[in-house]
Amino acid sequence: MTNGTGMNIRVRYFARLREKLATDQEQLALPAGINDVAALCRHLAARGGIWAEELGGERPLMAAINEELKPLAASLSDGDEVALFPPVTGG
């Protein structure tokens, strides 16, 4: 169900993001024009402070939409679940 101007999604934060942002998930009613993951990140970064530091484009970021890895240019749809997390390294 849309809010009349945009779409409703759930955003989940993992690893460093969950710790720094002090939340693991939230429901968002996005304004019109927020149509892809990159725009979502800019929208969240506009909150300022730690949000801008973590999601403003200076730090590497990965995304999954409905549990499938996607590029930041991937389109969003109403009802999507978007997971944001830093790149994972290890062996």
N, C-alpha and C. Protein backbone atom coordinates (compact mmCIF):
# COMPACT_ATOMS: atom_id res chain seq x y z
N MET A 1 0.85 -1.17 0.00
CA MET A 1 0.00 0.00 0.00
C MET A 1 0.90 1.24 0.00
N THR A 2 0.68 2.15 -0.92
CA THR A 2 1.49 3.36 -0.97
C THR A 2 0.86 4.44 -0.11
N ASN A 3 1.68 5.47 0.15
CA ASN A 3 1.21 6.56 1.00
C ASN A 3 0.65 7.71 0.18
N GLY A 4 0.42 7.49 -1.11
CA GLY A 4 -0.14 8.52 -1.97
C GLY A 4 0.93 9.27 -2.74
N THR A 5 2.15 9.27 -2.26
CA THR A 5 3.21 9.98 -2.96
C THR A 5 4.36 9.07 -3.31
N GLY A 6 4.57 8.03 -2.57
CA GLY A 6 5.71 7.16 -2.80
C GLY A 6 5.35 5.73 -2.52
N MET A 7 6.25 5.06 -1.79
CA MET A 7 6.02 3.65 -1.48
C MET A 7 6.45 3.37 -0.05
N ASN A 8 6.00 2.26 0.47
CA ASN A 8 6.37 1.81 1.80
C ASN A 8 7.32 0.63 1.68
N ILE A 9 8.43 0.72 2.40
CA ILE A 9 9.42 -0.35 2.39
C ILE A 9 9.90 -0.59 3.82
N ARG A 10 10.59 -1.71 4.00
CA ARG A 10 11.27 -1.98 5.27
C ARG A 10 12.76 -1.95 4.97
N VAL A 11 13.51 -1.25 5.82
CA VAL A 11 14.96 -1.20 5.68
C VAL A 11 15.57 -1.90 6.88
N ARG A 12 16.49 -2.81 6.60
CA ARG A 12 17.21 -3.53 7.66
C ARG A 12 18.68 -3.15 7.57
N TYR A 13 19.29 -2.94 8.72
CA TYR A 13 20.69 -2.55 8.81
C TYR A 13 21.49 -3.66 9.46
N PHE A 14 22.66 -3.96 8.91
CA PHE A 14 23.48 -5.05 9.42
C PHE A 14 24.90 -4.59 9.73
N ALA A 15 25.57 -5.38 10.57
CA ALA A 15 26.99 -5.19 10.92
C ALA A 15 27.23 -3.78 11.47
N ARG A 16 28.24 -3.10 10.95
CA ARG A 16 28.61 -1.78 11.44
C ARG A 16 27.44 -0.80 11.39
N LEU A 17 26.62 -0.88 10.36
CA LEU A 17 25.49 0.05 10.25
C LEU A 17 24.53 -0.10 11.42
N ARG A 18 24.22 -1.33 11.77
CA ARG A 18 23.31 -1.57 12.90
C ARG A 18 23.87 -0.95 14.17
N GLU A 19 25.17 -1.12 14.38
CA GLU A 19 25.80 -0.58 15.59
C GLU A 19 25.83 0.94 15.57
N LYS A 20 26.29 1.52 14.48
CA LYS A 20 26.44 2.98 14.39
C LYS A 20 25.10 3.71 14.38
N LEU A 21 24.12 3.16 13.70
CA LEU A 21 22.82 3.81 13.58
C LEU A 21 21.89 3.48 14.74
N ALA A 22 22.31 2.55 15.57
CA ALA A 22 21.56 2.16 16.78
C ALA A 22 20.15 1.67 16.46
N THR A 23 20.01 0.99 15.34
CA THR A 23 18.74 0.36 14.99
C THR A 23 19.02 -0.79 14.04
N ASP A 24 18.14 -1.78 14.05
CA ASP A 24 18.35 -2.89 13.12
C ASP A 24 17.37 -2.86 11.96
N GLN A 25 16.26 -2.12 12.10
CA GLN A 25 15.30 -2.03 11.00
C GLN A 25 14.30 -0.92 11.25
N GLU A 26 13.65 -0.51 10.16
CA GLU A 26 12.59 0.48 10.26
C GLU A 26 11.69 0.38 9.05
N GLN A 27 10.44 0.77 9.23
CA GLN A 27 9.47 0.89 8.14
C GLN A 27 9.52 2.33 7.67
N LEU A 28 9.56 2.53 6.36
CA LEU A 28 9.60 3.89 5.82
C LEU A 28 8.52 4.08 4.77
N ALA A 29 7.87 5.23 4.82
CA ALA A 29 7.00 5.70 3.75
C ALA A 29 7.85 6.69 2.96
N LEU A 30 8.29 6.28 1.80
CA LEU A 30 9.21 7.11 1.01
C LEU A 30 8.47 8.18 0.23
N PRO A 31 9.06 9.37 0.14
CA PRO A 31 8.47 10.39 -0.72
C PRO A 31 8.59 9.99 -2.19
N ALA A 32 7.77 10.57 -3.03
CA ALA A 32 7.87 10.33 -4.47
C ALA A 32 9.28 10.69 -4.93
N GLY A 33 9.78 9.94 -5.88
CA GLY A 33 11.10 10.22 -6.42
C GLY A 33 12.21 9.37 -5.82
N ILE A 34 11.94 8.68 -4.72
CA ILE A 34 12.92 7.76 -4.14
C ILE A 34 12.61 6.40 -4.76
N ASN A 35 13.30 6.09 -5.88
CA ASN A 35 12.94 4.92 -6.66
C ASN A 35 14.00 3.85 -6.72
N ASP A 36 15.20 4.11 -6.19
CA ASP A 36 16.26 3.10 -6.21
C ASP A 36 17.04 3.14 -4.90
N VAL A 37 17.92 2.18 -4.72
CA VAL A 37 18.66 2.06 -3.46
C VAL A 37 19.55 3.27 -3.23
N ALA A 38 20.20 3.78 -4.28
CA ALA A 38 21.07 4.95 -4.12
C ALA A 38 20.27 6.15 -3.63
N ALA A 39 19.08 6.37 -4.19
CA ALA A 39 18.23 7.48 -3.74
C ALA A 39 17.77 7.26 -2.30
N LEU A 40 17.48 6.02 -1.94
CA LEU A 40 17.13 5.70 -0.56
C LEU A 40 18.27 6.08 0.38
N CYS A 41 19.49 5.73 0.01
CA CYS A 41 20.65 6.06 0.85
C CYS A 41 20.81 7.58 0.99
N ARG A 42 20.64 8.31 -0.11
CA ARG A 42 20.72 9.78 -0.03
C ARG A 42 19.62 10.32 0.88
N HIS A 43 18.43 9.76 0.77
CA HIS A 43 17.30 10.18 1.62
C HIS A 43 17.62 9.95 3.09
N LEU A 44 18.17 8.79 3.41
CA LEU A 44 18.54 8.49 4.80
C LEU A 44 19.70 9.35 5.27
N ALA A 45 20.68 9.59 4.39
CA ALA A 45 21.84 10.41 4.74
C ALA A 45 21.43 11.85 5.05
N ALA A 46 20.33 12.30 4.46
CA ALA A 46 19.85 13.67 4.70
C ALA A 46 19.42 13.88 6.15
N ARG A 47 19.31 12.82 6.92
CA ARG A 47 19.01 12.95 8.35
C ARG A 47 20.17 13.63 9.08
N GLY A 48 21.35 13.60 8.46
CA GLY A 48 22.53 14.24 9.03
C GLY A 48 23.25 13.36 10.03
N GLY A 49 24.30 13.91 10.63
CA GLY A 49 25.06 13.22 11.65
C GLY A 49 25.60 11.88 11.19
N ILE A 50 25.43 10.87 12.04
CA ILE A 50 25.96 9.54 11.75
C ILE A 50 25.31 8.95 10.50
N TRP A 51 24.07 9.32 10.21
CA TRP A 51 23.38 8.83 9.01
C TRP A 51 24.13 9.32 7.76
N ALA A 52 24.53 10.58 7.76
CA ALA A 52 25.28 11.12 6.62
C ALA A 52 26.65 10.47 6.52
N GLU A 53 27.29 10.24 7.67
CA GLU A 53 28.61 9.61 7.67
C GLU A 53 28.55 8.20 7.10
N GLU A 54 27.57 7.43 7.50
CA GLU A 54 27.49 6.02 7.10
C GLU A 54 26.86 5.80 5.73
N LEU A 55 25.91 6.64 5.34
CA LEU A 55 25.14 6.38 4.12
C LEU A 55 25.31 7.46 3.05
N GLY A 56 26.18 8.43 3.30
CA GLY A 56 26.34 9.55 2.39
C GLY A 56 27.21 9.29 1.18
N GLY A 57 27.70 8.08 1.00
CA GLY A 57 28.45 7.75 -0.19
C GLY A 57 29.96 7.68 0.00
N GLU A 58 30.44 8.05 1.18
CA GLU A 58 31.88 8.01 1.42
C GLU A 58 32.38 6.61 1.78
N ARG A 59 31.51 5.80 2.34
CA ARG A 59 31.88 4.44 2.76
C ARG A 59 31.26 3.42 1.82
N PRO A 60 32.01 2.33 1.54
CA PRO A 60 31.43 1.30 0.67
C PRO A 60 30.18 0.68 1.30
N LEU A 61 29.23 0.35 0.46
CA LEU A 61 27.95 -0.14 0.95
C LEU A 61 27.43 -1.18 -0.04
N MET A 62 26.80 -2.20 0.51
CA MET A 62 26.14 -3.22 -0.31
C MET A 62 24.65 -3.25 0.05
N ALA A 63 23.86 -3.78 -0.86
CA ALA A 63 22.42 -3.83 -0.63
C ALA A 63 21.85 -5.15 -1.13
N ALA A 64 20.77 -5.54 -0.50
CA ALA A 64 19.97 -6.67 -0.96
C ALA A 64 18.52 -6.20 -0.95
N ILE A 65 17.79 -6.60 -1.98
CA ILE A 65 16.36 -6.32 -2.03
C ILE A 65 15.67 -7.67 -1.99
N ASN A 66 14.82 -7.84 -0.99
CA ASN A 66 14.11 -9.10 -0.81
C ASN A 66 15.07 -10.29 -0.83
N GLU A 67 16.18 -10.13 -0.11
CA GLU A 67 17.20 -11.16 0.12
C GLU A 67 18.03 -11.51 -1.11
N GLU A 68 18.03 -10.65 -2.15
CA GLU A 68 18.87 -10.85 -3.33
C GLU A 68 19.82 -9.67 -3.44
N LEU A 69 21.14 -9.96 -3.53
CA LEU A 69 22.12 -8.89 -3.71
C LEU A 69 21.80 -8.08 -4.96
N LYS A 70 21.86 -6.77 -4.83
CA LYS A 70 21.53 -5.87 -5.94
C LYS A 70 22.50 -4.70 -5.94
N PRO A 71 22.72 -4.09 -7.11
CA PRO A 71 23.53 -2.87 -7.16
C PRO A 71 22.74 -1.71 -6.56
N LEU A 72 23.44 -0.64 -6.19
CA LEU A 72 22.77 0.51 -5.60
C LEU A 72 21.82 1.19 -6.58
N ALA A 73 21.99 0.93 -7.87
CA ALA A 73 21.10 1.50 -8.88
C ALA A 73 19.81 0.69 -9.05
N ALA A 74 19.66 -0.41 -8.30
CA ALA A 74 18.47 -1.27 -8.42
C ALA A 74 17.21 -0.52 -8.01
N SER A 75 16.16 -0.74 -8.77
CA SER A 75 14.87 -0.10 -8.50
C SER A 75 14.19 -0.70 -7.29
N LEU A 76 13.43 0.14 -6.62
CA LEU A 76 12.63 -0.28 -5.47
C LEU A 76 11.16 -0.38 -5.88
N SER A 77 10.45 -1.28 -5.21
CA SER A 77 9.01 -1.42 -5.40
C SER A 77 8.33 -1.36 -4.04
N ASP A 78 7.07 -0.97 -4.06
CA ASP A 78 6.30 -0.91 -2.83
C ASP A 78 6.34 -2.27 -2.14
N GLY A 79 6.58 -2.27 -0.84
CA GLY A 79 6.59 -3.49 -0.06
C GLY A 79 7.94 -4.19 0.00
N ASP A 80 8.96 -3.67 -0.69
CA ASP A 80 10.28 -4.30 -0.66
C ASP A 80 10.90 -4.26 0.73
N GLU A 81 11.76 -5.24 0.98
CA GLU A 81 12.63 -5.24 2.14
C GLU A 81 14.04 -4.99 1.61
N VAL A 82 14.66 -3.92 2.09
CA VAL A 82 15.99 -3.54 1.66
C VAL A 82 16.95 -3.75 2.82
N ALA A 83 17.99 -4.52 2.59
CA ALA A 83 19.04 -4.72 3.59
C ALA A 83 20.25 -3.92 3.16
N LEU A 84 20.82 -3.16 4.09
CA LEU A 84 22.03 -2.38 3.83
C LEU A 84 23.12 -2.88 4.75
N PHE A 85 24.33 -3.06 4.19
CA PHE A 85 25.43 -3.58 4.99
C PHE A 85 26.76 -3.23 4.33
N PRO A 86 27.83 -3.17 5.13
CA PRO A 86 29.15 -2.94 4.55
C PRO A 86 29.62 -4.20 3.84
N PRO A 87 30.55 -4.05 2.87
CA PRO A 87 31.10 -5.23 2.22
C PRO A 87 31.70 -6.19 3.25
N VAL A 88 31.53 -7.46 3.01
CA VAL A 88 32.02 -8.49 3.94
C VAL A 88 33.36 -8.99 3.42
N THR A 89 34.33 -9.06 4.30
CA THR A 89 35.61 -9.63 3.94
C THR A 89 35.92 -10.78 4.88
N GLY A 90 36.85 -11.58 4.50
CA GLY A 90 37.22 -12.70 5.37
C GLY A 90 37.62 -13.90 4.54
N GLY A 91 37.94 -14.97 5.25
CA GLY A 91 38.41 -16.13 4.52
C GLY A 91 37.80 -17.40 4.99
